[in-house]
């Protein structure tokens, strides 16, 4: 299903979409030998498909960079997630290893060129919505020592009590996926210029990778 967008944000960014799906009953591990072997297969396909020059010119990556500029992020310093991962693969640099669930959707990101995020469903209250941040709101992202004070206007996702993401590049510490996570909410992050069908196809790949290596059922 589509993530609910506040009308003000929707009018500011026509064509902005993000999809969400619940996957219940996952088992998150530190690592999985099958997943590590599968990474090698994915990396071989990516090296055959892309070059650094291709990434610079492809309309999908340009759409994410354009959105980053519009929301105040310099994409030459903070690259969109899928592009950053693919660049690592092309340069034979290791991609981050977090846990089997995050690693699985990172592989889907590399495969589909779409960025994903996942939230521990048990930590969420109510239906999430994307809106513009209010100046002075605080957000504690994964790995941060102290909260980030938002300037106002940034796209953020909240549940009924807290911010869970600064869209589309930072997720909250409080709702991150851990080894204790049993159910997740998977987010496929779109931007204007990336249509809903493309997001849904990418979501299907991510769901298949997650359930292949972590179990669970989507719905």
N, C-alpha and C. Protein backbone atom coordinates (compact mmCIF):
# COMPACT_ATOMS: atom_id res chain seq x y z
N UNK A 1 0.84 -1.18 0.00
CA UNK A 1 0.00 0.00 0.00
C UNK A 1 0.88 1.24 0.00
N UNK A 2 0.30 2.38 -0.37
CA UNK A 2 1.04 3.63 -0.37
C UNK A 2 1.09 4.23 1.02
N UNK A 3 2.23 4.78 1.37
CA UNK A 3 2.36 5.52 2.62
C UNK A 3 1.51 6.78 2.52
N UNK A 4 0.80 7.09 3.59
CA UNK A 4 -0.03 8.30 3.61
C UNK A 4 0.87 9.54 3.63
N UNK A 5 0.56 10.50 2.75
CA UNK A 5 1.30 11.77 2.70
C UNK A 5 0.38 12.90 3.14
N UNK A 6 0.93 13.80 3.95
CA UNK A 6 0.22 15.02 4.31
C UNK A 6 -0.05 15.82 3.03
N UNK A 7 -1.26 16.40 2.86
CA UNK A 7 -1.58 17.12 1.63
C UNK A 7 -0.63 18.27 1.32
N UNK A 8 -0.12 18.95 2.34
CA UNK A 8 0.81 20.06 2.10
C UNK A 8 2.09 19.54 1.45
N UNK A 9 2.61 18.43 1.96
CA UNK A 9 3.82 17.85 1.39
C UNK A 9 3.55 17.32 -0.01
N UNK A 10 2.38 16.74 -0.21
CA UNK A 10 2.04 16.18 -1.51
C UNK A 10 1.96 17.27 -2.57
N UNK A 11 1.42 18.43 -2.20
CA UNK A 11 1.33 19.53 -3.16
C UNK A 11 2.69 20.14 -3.44
N UNK A 12 3.60 20.07 -2.47
CA UNK A 12 4.95 20.61 -2.65
C UNK A 12 5.78 19.73 -3.56
N UNK A 13 5.55 18.41 -3.50
CA UNK A 13 6.32 17.45 -4.30
C UNK A 13 5.35 16.55 -5.09
N UNK A 14 4.75 17.07 -6.16
CA UNK A 14 3.86 16.22 -6.97
C UNK A 14 4.61 15.00 -7.49
N UNK A 15 3.96 13.85 -7.41
CA UNK A 15 4.59 12.62 -7.88
C UNK A 15 5.41 11.91 -6.84
N UNK A 16 5.42 12.43 -5.60
CA UNK A 16 6.14 11.75 -4.52
C UNK A 16 5.30 10.58 -4.01
N UNK A 17 5.88 9.38 -4.05
CA UNK A 17 5.21 8.17 -3.56
C UNK A 17 6.20 7.37 -2.72
N UNK A 18 5.67 6.63 -1.76
CA UNK A 18 6.43 5.61 -1.04
C UNK A 18 5.47 4.49 -0.72
N UNK A 19 5.94 3.25 -0.77
CA UNK A 19 5.08 2.12 -0.46
C UNK A 19 5.49 1.48 0.85
N UNK A 20 4.52 0.88 1.53
CA UNK A 20 4.79 0.17 2.78
C UNK A 20 4.11 -1.19 2.74
N UNK A 21 4.75 -2.16 3.39
CA UNK A 21 4.18 -3.49 3.53
C UNK A 21 4.68 -4.09 4.84
N UNK A 22 3.81 -4.80 5.53
CA UNK A 22 4.20 -5.49 6.76
C UNK A 22 4.70 -6.89 6.42
N UNK A 23 5.76 -7.30 7.08
CA UNK A 23 6.24 -8.68 6.99
C UNK A 23 6.32 -9.20 8.42
N UNK A 24 5.52 -10.21 8.72
CA UNK A 24 5.42 -10.71 10.08
C UNK A 24 6.09 -12.08 10.21
N UNK A 25 6.65 -12.31 11.40
CA UNK A 25 7.25 -13.61 11.69
C UNK A 25 8.65 -13.77 11.15
N UNK A 26 9.40 -12.66 11.02
CA UNK A 26 10.78 -12.79 10.55
C UNK A 26 11.69 -13.24 11.68
N UNK A 27 12.82 -13.83 11.31
CA UNK A 27 13.86 -14.20 12.27
C UNK A 27 15.15 -13.53 11.81
N UNK A 28 15.62 -12.58 12.60
CA UNK A 28 16.79 -11.79 12.23
C UNK A 28 18.02 -12.38 12.91
N UNK A 29 19.05 -12.64 12.12
CA UNK A 29 20.30 -13.21 12.62
C UNK A 29 21.45 -12.24 12.36
N UNK A 30 22.57 -12.53 13.01
CA UNK A 30 23.77 -11.71 12.77
C UNK A 30 24.25 -11.92 11.34
N UNK A 31 24.30 -13.16 10.89
CA UNK A 31 24.74 -13.47 9.53
C UNK A 31 24.17 -14.81 9.10
N UNK A 32 24.29 -15.07 7.79
CA UNK A 32 23.78 -16.32 7.22
C UNK A 32 24.69 -16.66 6.04
N UNK A 33 25.27 -17.83 6.03
CA UNK A 33 26.19 -18.22 4.96
C UNK A 33 25.52 -18.20 3.60
N UNK A 34 24.24 -18.58 3.55
CA UNK A 34 23.52 -18.55 2.27
C UNK A 34 23.41 -17.13 1.72
N UNK A 35 23.16 -16.20 2.63
CA UNK A 35 23.05 -14.80 2.22
C UNK A 35 24.39 -14.27 1.72
N UNK A 36 25.47 -14.65 2.39
CA UNK A 36 26.79 -14.19 1.95
C UNK A 36 27.12 -14.73 0.57
N UNK A 37 26.75 -15.97 0.28
CA UNK A 37 26.98 -16.53 -1.05
C UNK A 37 26.13 -15.82 -2.10
N UNK A 38 24.90 -15.48 -1.71
CA UNK A 38 24.00 -14.80 -2.64
C UNK A 38 24.52 -13.40 -2.97
N UNK A 39 25.14 -12.74 -2.00
CA UNK A 39 25.72 -11.43 -2.25
C UNK A 39 26.68 -11.47 -3.43
N UNK A 40 27.50 -12.50 -3.48
CA UNK A 40 28.47 -12.61 -4.57
C UNK A 40 27.77 -12.69 -5.93
N UNK A 41 26.66 -13.42 -5.99
CA UNK A 41 25.90 -13.52 -7.23
C UNK A 41 25.35 -12.16 -7.65
N UNK A 42 24.77 -11.44 -6.68
CA UNK A 42 24.21 -10.12 -6.97
C UNK A 42 25.31 -9.17 -7.43
N UNK A 43 26.45 -9.19 -6.76
CA UNK A 43 27.53 -8.27 -7.11
C UNK A 43 28.03 -8.54 -8.54
N UNK A 44 28.10 -9.78 -8.93
CA UNK A 44 28.53 -10.10 -10.31
C UNK A 44 27.54 -9.51 -11.32
N UNK A 45 26.26 -9.63 -11.03
CA UNK A 45 25.26 -9.07 -11.96
C UNK A 45 25.38 -7.55 -12.04
N UNK A 46 25.61 -6.91 -10.91
CA UNK A 46 25.70 -5.44 -10.88
C UNK A 46 26.91 -4.96 -11.66
N UNK A 47 28.04 -5.64 -11.52
CA UNK A 47 29.25 -5.24 -12.24
C UNK A 47 29.09 -5.42 -13.75
N UNK A 48 28.27 -6.40 -14.14
CA UNK A 48 28.00 -6.59 -15.56
C UNK A 48 27.02 -5.56 -16.11
N UNK A 49 26.19 -5.01 -15.23
CA UNK A 49 25.11 -4.11 -15.66
C UNK A 49 25.51 -2.64 -15.66
N UNK A 50 26.29 -2.22 -14.67
CA UNK A 50 26.53 -0.79 -14.44
C UNK A 50 28.00 -0.43 -14.56
N UNK A 51 28.24 0.84 -14.87
CA UNK A 51 29.54 1.47 -14.70
C UNK A 51 29.29 2.77 -13.93
N UNK A 52 30.36 3.38 -13.41
CA UNK A 52 30.20 4.64 -12.69
C UNK A 52 29.59 5.70 -13.60
N UNK A 53 30.01 5.74 -14.86
CA UNK A 53 29.44 6.72 -15.79
C UNK A 53 27.95 6.50 -16.01
N UNK A 54 27.53 5.24 -16.05
CA UNK A 54 26.10 4.95 -16.19
C UNK A 54 25.30 5.54 -15.03
N UNK A 55 25.84 5.43 -13.82
CA UNK A 55 25.14 5.94 -12.64
C UNK A 55 24.97 7.44 -12.72
N UNK A 56 25.98 8.13 -13.26
CA UNK A 56 25.91 9.60 -13.32
C UNK A 56 24.77 10.08 -14.20
N UNK A 57 24.48 9.33 -15.25
CA UNK A 57 23.53 9.81 -16.26
C UNK A 57 22.15 9.17 -16.18
N UNK A 58 22.00 8.08 -15.46
CA UNK A 58 20.73 7.36 -15.49
C UNK A 58 19.62 8.19 -14.82
N UNK A 59 18.43 8.24 -15.45
CA UNK A 59 17.35 9.10 -14.91
C UNK A 59 16.88 8.72 -13.52
N UNK A 60 16.95 7.44 -13.16
CA UNK A 60 16.53 7.04 -11.81
C UNK A 60 17.42 7.71 -10.75
N UNK A 61 18.72 7.61 -10.93
CA UNK A 61 19.63 8.19 -9.94
C UNK A 61 19.57 9.71 -9.97
N UNK A 62 19.36 10.28 -11.15
CA UNK A 62 19.22 11.74 -11.24
C UNK A 62 17.98 12.21 -10.49
N UNK A 63 16.89 11.43 -10.55
CA UNK A 63 15.67 11.81 -9.84
C UNK A 63 15.90 11.87 -8.34
N UNK A 64 16.64 10.89 -7.79
CA UNK A 64 16.92 10.91 -6.35
C UNK A 64 17.85 12.06 -5.98
N UNK A 65 18.86 12.32 -6.83
CA UNK A 65 19.76 13.44 -6.55
C UNK A 65 18.99 14.77 -6.57
N UNK A 66 18.11 14.92 -7.56
CA UNK A 66 17.31 16.16 -7.65
C UNK A 66 16.46 16.35 -6.41
N UNK A 67 15.86 15.27 -5.91
CA UNK A 67 15.04 15.37 -4.71
C UNK A 67 15.90 15.74 -3.50
N UNK A 68 17.08 15.15 -3.40
CA UNK A 68 17.97 15.49 -2.30
C UNK A 68 18.27 16.99 -2.31
N UNK A 69 18.61 17.54 -3.47
CA UNK A 69 18.87 18.98 -3.53
C UNK A 69 17.66 19.78 -3.05
N UNK A 70 16.47 19.38 -3.45
CA UNK A 70 15.26 20.12 -3.11
C UNK A 70 14.96 20.10 -1.61
N UNK A 71 15.39 19.04 -0.91
CA UNK A 71 15.12 18.97 0.53
C UNK A 71 16.35 19.38 1.35
N UNK A 72 17.34 19.97 0.69
CA UNK A 72 18.47 20.54 1.41
C UNK A 72 19.61 19.60 1.71
N UNK A 73 19.72 18.49 0.95
CA UNK A 73 20.81 17.53 1.14
C UNK A 73 21.70 17.57 -0.09
N UNK A 74 22.99 17.70 0.10
CA UNK A 74 23.94 17.70 -1.00
C UNK A 74 24.24 16.25 -1.39
N UNK A 75 23.74 15.77 -2.55
CA UNK A 75 23.92 14.36 -2.91
C UNK A 75 25.34 14.00 -3.33
N UNK A 76 26.22 14.99 -3.45
CA UNK A 76 27.62 14.67 -3.70
C UNK A 76 28.34 14.34 -2.40
N UNK A 77 27.73 14.70 -1.27
CA UNK A 77 28.31 14.39 0.05
C UNK A 77 27.54 13.26 0.73
N UNK A 78 26.23 13.30 0.64
CA UNK A 78 25.37 12.23 1.15
C UNK A 78 24.63 11.64 -0.04
N UNK A 79 25.14 10.56 -0.58
CA UNK A 79 24.55 10.01 -1.79
C UNK A 79 23.27 9.24 -1.47
N UNK A 80 22.30 9.25 -2.39
CA UNK A 80 21.13 8.39 -2.22
C UNK A 80 21.57 6.95 -1.99
N UNK A 81 20.81 6.25 -1.13
CA UNK A 81 21.28 4.96 -0.60
C UNK A 81 21.60 3.93 -1.67
N UNK A 82 20.72 3.76 -2.65
CA UNK A 82 20.96 2.73 -3.66
C UNK A 82 22.20 3.05 -4.48
N UNK A 83 22.34 4.31 -4.86
CA UNK A 83 23.52 4.71 -5.63
C UNK A 83 24.80 4.49 -4.83
N UNK A 84 24.77 4.84 -3.55
CA UNK A 84 25.95 4.66 -2.70
C UNK A 84 26.35 3.18 -2.62
N UNK A 85 25.35 2.30 -2.47
CA UNK A 85 25.65 0.88 -2.39
C UNK A 85 26.22 0.34 -3.70
N UNK A 86 25.62 0.74 -4.82
CA UNK A 86 26.09 0.27 -6.12
C UNK A 86 27.51 0.76 -6.38
N UNK A 87 27.80 2.00 -6.02
CA UNK A 87 29.16 2.52 -6.19
C UNK A 87 30.16 1.68 -5.39
N UNK A 88 29.78 1.27 -4.20
CA UNK A 88 30.67 0.42 -3.41
C UNK A 88 30.95 -0.89 -4.14
N UNK A 89 29.90 -1.48 -4.68
CA UNK A 89 30.06 -2.76 -5.38
C UNK A 89 31.00 -2.58 -6.58
N UNK A 90 30.80 -1.52 -7.35
CA UNK A 90 31.62 -1.30 -8.54
C UNK A 90 33.08 -1.05 -8.19
N UNK A 91 33.31 -0.53 -6.99
CA UNK A 91 34.69 -0.24 -6.57
C UNK A 91 35.28 -1.33 -5.69
N UNK A 92 34.57 -2.45 -5.61
CA UNK A 92 35.02 -3.58 -4.79
C UNK A 92 35.20 -3.20 -3.32
N UNK A 93 34.39 -2.26 -2.86
CA UNK A 93 34.39 -1.89 -1.44
C UNK A 93 33.27 -2.66 -0.75
N UNK A 94 33.49 -3.14 0.46
CA UNK A 94 32.44 -3.91 1.13
C UNK A 94 31.24 -3.04 1.46
N UNK A 95 30.04 -3.60 1.31
CA UNK A 95 28.85 -2.88 1.76
C UNK A 95 28.65 -3.21 3.24
N UNK A 96 28.04 -2.30 3.99
CA UNK A 96 27.90 -2.52 5.43
C UNK A 96 27.15 -3.82 5.74
N UNK A 97 27.61 -4.53 6.75
CA UNK A 97 26.92 -5.71 7.26
C UNK A 97 26.26 -5.33 8.58
N UNK A 98 24.94 -5.38 8.61
CA UNK A 98 24.19 -4.98 9.81
C UNK A 98 23.59 -6.20 10.48
N UNK A 99 22.67 -6.82 9.83
CA UNK A 99 22.08 -8.10 10.23
C UNK A 99 21.43 -8.68 8.98
N UNK A 100 20.91 -9.89 9.07
CA UNK A 100 20.45 -10.56 7.86
C UNK A 100 19.27 -9.85 7.20
N UNK A 101 18.42 -9.22 7.97
CA UNK A 101 17.27 -8.56 7.37
C UNK A 101 17.69 -7.28 6.64
N UNK A 102 18.48 -6.45 7.31
CA UNK A 102 18.95 -5.22 6.66
C UNK A 102 19.84 -5.56 5.47
N UNK A 103 20.69 -6.57 5.63
CA UNK A 103 21.56 -6.97 4.52
C UNK A 103 20.73 -7.46 3.33
N UNK A 104 19.63 -8.14 3.60
CA UNK A 104 18.79 -8.66 2.52
C UNK A 104 18.15 -7.52 1.73
N UNK A 105 17.61 -6.51 2.43
CA UNK A 105 16.99 -5.43 1.65
C UNK A 105 18.04 -4.51 1.04
N UNK A 106 19.24 -4.46 1.60
CA UNK A 106 20.31 -3.72 0.92
C UNK A 106 20.67 -4.38 -0.41
N UNK A 107 20.65 -5.71 -0.44
CA UNK A 107 20.89 -6.41 -1.70
C UNK A 107 19.77 -6.10 -2.70
N UNK A 108 18.54 -6.04 -2.23
CA UNK A 108 17.43 -5.68 -3.10
C UNK A 108 17.60 -4.25 -3.62
N UNK A 109 18.15 -3.38 -2.80
CA UNK A 109 18.42 -2.00 -3.22
C UNK A 109 19.45 -1.97 -4.33
N UNK A 110 20.51 -2.75 -4.17
CA UNK A 110 21.53 -2.86 -5.20
C UNK A 110 20.93 -3.42 -6.49
N UNK A 111 20.08 -4.41 -6.37
CA UNK A 111 19.49 -5.09 -7.53
C UNK A 111 18.51 -4.20 -8.28
N UNK A 112 17.69 -3.42 -7.54
CA UNK A 112 16.59 -2.68 -8.15
C UNK A 112 16.86 -1.19 -8.33
N UNK A 113 17.93 -0.67 -7.71
CA UNK A 113 18.28 0.76 -7.72
C UNK A 113 17.32 1.59 -6.88
N UNK A 114 16.51 0.97 -6.04
CA UNK A 114 15.58 1.67 -5.17
C UNK A 114 16.05 1.61 -3.72
N UNK A 115 15.90 2.68 -2.96
CA UNK A 115 16.25 2.63 -1.53
C UNK A 115 15.09 2.09 -0.69
N UNK A 116 15.45 1.36 0.37
CA UNK A 116 14.48 0.80 1.29
C UNK A 116 14.82 1.20 2.72
N UNK A 117 13.83 1.06 3.58
CA UNK A 117 14.04 1.16 5.03
C UNK A 117 13.12 0.15 5.68
N UNK A 118 13.45 -0.27 6.88
CA UNK A 118 12.59 -1.18 7.62
C UNK A 118 12.52 -0.73 9.07
N UNK A 119 11.35 -0.87 9.65
CA UNK A 119 11.11 -0.45 11.03
C UNK A 119 10.55 -1.64 11.82
N UNK A 120 10.96 -1.74 13.05
CA UNK A 120 10.43 -2.76 13.95
C UNK A 120 8.96 -2.44 14.21
N UNK A 121 8.07 -3.29 13.71
CA UNK A 121 6.65 -3.00 13.79
C UNK A 121 6.17 -2.89 15.24
N UNK A 122 6.79 -3.66 16.14
CA UNK A 122 6.39 -3.62 17.53
C UNK A 122 6.70 -2.30 18.21
N UNK A 123 7.56 -1.48 17.61
CA UNK A 123 7.91 -0.19 18.21
C UNK A 123 7.03 0.94 17.70
N UNK A 124 6.17 0.65 16.72
CA UNK A 124 5.36 1.69 16.09
C UNK A 124 3.96 1.75 16.71
N UNK A 125 3.41 2.96 16.72
CA UNK A 125 2.06 3.17 17.24
C UNK A 125 1.23 3.82 16.15
N UNK A 126 0.21 3.09 15.70
CA UNK A 126 -0.69 3.63 14.69
C UNK A 126 -0.10 3.63 13.30
N UNK A 127 -0.81 4.30 12.39
CA UNK A 127 -0.43 4.32 10.98
C UNK A 127 0.59 5.43 10.72
N UNK A 128 1.70 5.13 10.05
CA UNK A 128 2.68 6.18 9.77
C UNK A 128 2.18 7.13 8.69
N UNK A 129 2.71 8.36 8.73
CA UNK A 129 2.37 9.37 7.74
C UNK A 129 3.61 10.20 7.46
N UNK A 130 3.76 10.66 6.22
CA UNK A 130 4.86 11.55 5.87
C UNK A 130 4.34 12.98 5.85
N UNK A 131 5.12 13.88 6.42
CA UNK A 131 4.74 15.29 6.50
C UNK A 131 5.99 16.14 6.50
N UNK A 132 5.81 17.46 6.54
CA UNK A 132 6.94 18.37 6.70
C UNK A 132 7.26 18.54 8.17
N UNK A 133 8.56 18.59 8.48
CA UNK A 133 8.98 18.80 9.86
C UNK A 133 8.67 20.23 10.29
N UNK A 134 8.48 20.39 11.58
CA UNK A 134 8.34 21.71 12.20
C UNK A 134 9.70 22.14 12.74
N UNK A 135 10.04 23.39 12.58
CA UNK A 135 11.32 23.90 13.06
C UNK A 135 11.47 23.62 14.55
N UNK A 136 12.61 23.07 14.95
CA UNK A 136 12.88 22.77 16.35
C UNK A 136 12.57 21.35 16.76
N UNK A 137 11.88 20.58 15.90
CA UNK A 137 11.66 19.16 16.21
C UNK A 137 12.99 18.44 16.32
N UNK A 138 13.05 17.46 17.22
CA UNK A 138 14.28 16.70 17.41
C UNK A 138 14.10 15.28 16.88
N UNK A 139 15.18 14.77 16.32
CA UNK A 139 15.16 13.43 15.73
C UNK A 139 16.45 12.72 16.09
N UNK A 140 16.34 11.55 16.72
CA UNK A 140 17.52 10.75 17.06
C UNK A 140 17.62 9.60 16.07
N UNK A 141 18.57 9.71 15.15
CA UNK A 141 18.77 8.69 14.14
C UNK A 141 19.65 7.56 14.64
N UNK A 142 19.67 6.49 13.86
CA UNK A 142 20.48 5.32 14.21
C UNK A 142 21.94 5.73 14.36
N UNK A 143 22.51 5.38 15.50
CA UNK A 143 23.92 5.66 15.75
C UNK A 143 24.25 7.05 16.20
N UNK A 144 23.26 7.92 16.33
CA UNK A 144 23.53 9.30 16.75
C UNK A 144 23.75 9.37 18.26
N UNK A 145 24.69 10.23 18.67
CA UNK A 145 24.93 10.45 20.10
C UNK A 145 23.93 11.44 20.69
N UNK A 146 23.46 12.37 19.88
CA UNK A 146 22.49 13.35 20.35
C UNK A 146 21.50 13.65 19.24
N UNK A 147 20.31 14.11 19.57
CA UNK A 147 19.29 14.34 18.55
C UNK A 147 19.70 15.43 17.56
N UNK A 148 19.21 15.28 16.34
CA UNK A 148 19.32 16.30 15.31
C UNK A 148 18.14 17.26 15.47
N UNK A 149 18.42 18.55 15.51
CA UNK A 149 17.36 19.55 15.58
C UNK A 149 17.01 19.97 14.16
N UNK A 150 15.78 19.74 13.77
CA UNK A 150 15.36 19.98 12.39
C UNK A 150 15.04 21.45 12.17
N UNK A 151 15.34 21.91 10.96
CA UNK A 151 15.13 23.32 10.65
C UNK A 151 13.72 23.66 10.25
N UNK A 152 12.95 22.63 9.89
CA UNK A 152 11.58 22.84 9.43
C UNK A 152 11.48 22.67 7.92
N UNK A 153 10.48 21.96 7.47
CA UNK A 153 10.26 21.75 6.05
C UNK A 153 10.80 20.44 5.52
N UNK A 154 11.66 19.76 6.29
CA UNK A 154 12.18 18.47 5.83
C UNK A 154 11.06 17.42 5.78
N UNK A 155 11.05 16.55 4.78
CA UNK A 155 10.09 15.44 4.81
C UNK A 155 10.45 14.48 5.95
N UNK A 156 9.49 14.18 6.79
CA UNK A 156 9.71 13.25 7.89
C UNK A 156 8.55 12.26 7.92
N UNK A 157 8.80 11.10 8.52
CA UNK A 157 7.74 10.11 8.74
C UNK A 157 7.54 9.96 10.23
N UNK A 158 6.30 9.95 10.66
CA UNK A 158 5.99 9.79 12.07
C UNK A 158 4.91 8.75 12.26
N UNK A 159 4.93 8.12 13.44
CA UNK A 159 3.76 7.35 13.84
C UNK A 159 2.92 8.26 14.74
N UNK A 160 2.11 7.71 15.61
CA UNK A 160 1.23 8.57 16.40
C UNK A 160 1.93 9.27 17.56
N UNK A 161 3.20 8.90 17.82
CA UNK A 161 3.87 9.53 18.97
C UNK A 161 5.27 10.05 18.69
N UNK A 162 5.90 9.68 17.56
CA UNK A 162 7.31 10.04 17.38
C UNK A 162 7.69 10.02 15.90
N UNK A 163 8.81 10.67 15.61
CA UNK A 163 9.40 10.60 14.29
C UNK A 163 10.14 9.28 14.13
N UNK A 164 9.96 8.64 12.99
CA UNK A 164 10.67 7.38 12.75
C UNK A 164 11.65 7.49 11.58
N UNK A 165 11.61 8.59 10.83
CA UNK A 165 12.56 8.77 9.73
C UNK A 165 12.58 10.23 9.29
N UNK A 166 13.75 10.68 8.87
CA UNK A 166 13.88 11.87 8.05
C UNK A 166 14.04 11.34 6.63
N UNK A 167 13.08 11.60 5.80
CA UNK A 167 12.95 10.95 4.50
C UNK A 167 13.83 11.61 3.46
N UNK A 168 14.54 10.83 2.63
CA UNK A 168 14.57 9.37 2.61
C UNK A 168 15.92 8.81 3.04
N UNK A 169 16.58 9.42 4.02
CA UNK A 169 17.97 9.02 4.25
C UNK A 169 18.37 8.73 5.69
N UNK A 170 17.49 8.98 6.67
CA UNK A 170 17.84 8.67 8.06
C UNK A 170 16.67 7.97 8.74
N UNK A 171 16.94 6.88 9.44
CA UNK A 171 15.92 6.17 10.20
C UNK A 171 16.19 6.32 11.69
N UNK A 172 15.15 6.19 12.50
CA UNK A 172 15.24 6.46 13.93
C UNK A 172 15.84 5.28 14.69
N UNK A 173 16.58 5.61 15.72
CA UNK A 173 17.16 4.61 16.61
C UNK A 173 16.06 3.79 17.28
N UNK A 174 14.97 4.45 17.67
CA UNK A 174 13.93 3.80 18.47
C UNK A 174 13.18 2.71 17.71
N UNK A 175 13.18 2.77 16.39
CA UNK A 175 12.38 1.82 15.61
C UNK A 175 13.24 0.96 14.68
N UNK A 176 14.55 0.91 14.92
CA UNK A 176 15.43 0.14 14.04
C UNK A 176 15.21 -1.37 14.21
N UNK A 177 15.58 -2.12 13.18
CA UNK A 177 15.48 -3.58 13.21
C UNK A 177 16.66 -4.15 13.99
N UNK A 178 16.37 -5.03 14.94
CA UNK A 178 17.40 -5.67 15.76
C UNK A 178 17.23 -7.18 15.70
N UNK A 179 18.09 -7.89 16.41
CA UNK A 179 17.99 -9.34 16.46
C UNK A 179 16.73 -9.81 17.18
N UNK A 180 16.09 -8.91 17.93
CA UNK A 180 14.86 -9.26 18.64
C UNK A 180 13.61 -8.95 17.82
N UNK A 181 13.76 -8.33 16.68
CA UNK A 181 12.61 -7.94 15.86
C UNK A 181 11.91 -9.18 15.30
N UNK A 182 10.58 -9.19 15.39
CA UNK A 182 9.80 -10.30 14.84
C UNK A 182 8.91 -9.91 13.68
N UNK A 183 8.49 -8.64 13.66
CA UNK A 183 7.63 -8.13 12.59
C UNK A 183 8.20 -6.79 12.13
N UNK A 184 8.13 -6.53 10.82
CA UNK A 184 8.66 -5.27 10.31
C UNK A 184 7.66 -4.56 9.42
N UNK A 185 7.89 -3.26 9.27
CA UNK A 185 7.24 -2.46 8.25
C UNK A 185 8.32 -2.10 7.24
N UNK A 186 8.18 -2.56 6.00
CA UNK A 186 9.16 -2.28 4.96
C UNK A 186 8.71 -1.08 4.14
N UNK A 187 9.59 -0.12 3.97
CA UNK A 187 9.32 1.11 3.22
C UNK A 187 10.16 1.12 1.95
N UNK A 188 9.52 1.32 0.81
CA UNK A 188 10.22 1.55 -0.44
C UNK A 188 10.14 3.03 -0.75
N UNK A 189 11.29 3.67 -0.83
CA UNK A 189 11.37 5.13 -0.86
C UNK A 189 11.37 5.67 -2.29
N UNK A 190 10.29 6.30 -2.67
CA UNK A 190 10.21 6.91 -3.99
C UNK A 190 10.47 8.41 -3.94
N UNK A 191 10.63 8.98 -5.12
CA UNK A 191 10.78 10.43 -5.29
C UNK A 191 10.02 10.81 -6.56
N UNK A 192 9.72 12.10 -6.76
CA UNK A 192 9.12 12.50 -8.03
C UNK A 192 9.98 12.05 -9.21
N UNK A 193 9.33 11.48 -10.20
CA UNK A 193 10.04 10.94 -11.35
C UNK A 193 10.19 9.43 -11.31
N UNK A 194 9.86 8.82 -10.19
CA UNK A 194 9.87 7.36 -10.05
C UNK A 194 8.43 6.93 -9.81
N UNK A 195 7.87 6.18 -10.75
CA UNK A 195 6.43 5.91 -10.66
C UNK A 195 6.12 4.78 -9.68
N UNK A 196 4.83 4.68 -9.37
CA UNK A 196 4.37 3.71 -8.38
C UNK A 196 4.63 2.28 -8.80
N UNK A 197 4.49 1.99 -10.09
CA UNK A 197 4.74 0.63 -10.57
C UNK A 197 6.19 0.22 -10.34
N UNK A 198 7.13 1.13 -10.57
CA UNK A 198 8.54 0.84 -10.33
C UNK A 198 8.79 0.53 -8.86
N UNK A 199 8.15 1.30 -7.98
CA UNK A 199 8.30 1.06 -6.55
C UNK A 199 7.74 -0.31 -6.17
N UNK A 200 6.59 -0.66 -6.71
CA UNK A 200 5.96 -1.93 -6.34
C UNK A 200 6.79 -3.12 -6.83
N UNK A 201 7.39 -3.00 -8.00
CA UNK A 201 8.27 -4.07 -8.49
C UNK A 201 9.49 -4.23 -7.58
N UNK A 202 10.05 -3.10 -7.18
CA UNK A 202 11.20 -3.15 -6.27
C UNK A 202 10.81 -3.73 -4.92
N UNK A 203 9.64 -3.34 -4.43
CA UNK A 203 9.15 -3.87 -3.16
C UNK A 203 9.03 -5.38 -3.22
N UNK A 204 8.54 -5.91 -4.33
CA UNK A 204 8.39 -7.36 -4.48
C UNK A 204 9.74 -8.06 -4.40
N UNK A 205 10.77 -7.46 -4.98
CA UNK A 205 12.12 -8.04 -4.90
C UNK A 205 12.60 -8.04 -3.45
N UNK A 206 12.42 -6.92 -2.76
CA UNK A 206 12.87 -6.83 -1.37
C UNK A 206 12.14 -7.82 -0.48
N UNK A 207 10.84 -7.95 -0.67
CA UNK A 207 10.07 -8.92 0.12
C UNK A 207 10.58 -10.33 -0.13
N UNK A 208 10.87 -10.64 -1.40
CA UNK A 208 11.33 -12.00 -1.72
C UNK A 208 12.69 -12.28 -1.08
N UNK A 209 13.58 -11.31 -1.06
CA UNK A 209 14.90 -11.51 -0.45
C UNK A 209 14.79 -11.64 1.07
N UNK A 210 13.96 -10.78 1.68
CA UNK A 210 13.81 -10.83 3.14
C UNK A 210 13.21 -12.17 3.57
N UNK A 211 12.14 -12.57 2.92
CA UNK A 211 11.48 -13.83 3.33
C UNK A 211 12.34 -15.04 2.99
N UNK A 212 13.16 -14.93 1.96
CA UNK A 212 14.07 -16.04 1.60
C UNK A 212 15.10 -16.29 2.70
N UNK A 213 15.63 -15.21 3.28
CA UNK A 213 16.71 -15.38 4.24
C UNK A 213 16.30 -15.15 5.70
N UNK A 214 15.12 -14.57 5.90
CA UNK A 214 14.66 -14.30 7.27
C UNK A 214 13.30 -14.89 7.58
N UNK A 215 12.68 -15.54 6.58
CA UNK A 215 11.36 -16.09 6.82
C UNK A 215 10.30 -15.00 6.87
N UNK A 216 9.14 -15.36 7.40
CA UNK A 216 8.06 -14.40 7.54
C UNK A 216 7.10 -14.41 6.37
N UNK A 217 6.01 -13.67 6.55
CA UNK A 217 4.96 -13.57 5.54
C UNK A 217 4.56 -12.13 5.37
N UNK A 218 4.44 -11.68 4.12
CA UNK A 218 4.05 -10.31 3.82
C UNK A 218 2.56 -10.23 3.63
N UNK A 219 1.99 -9.09 4.04
CA UNK A 219 0.56 -8.89 3.85
C UNK A 219 0.04 -7.79 4.73
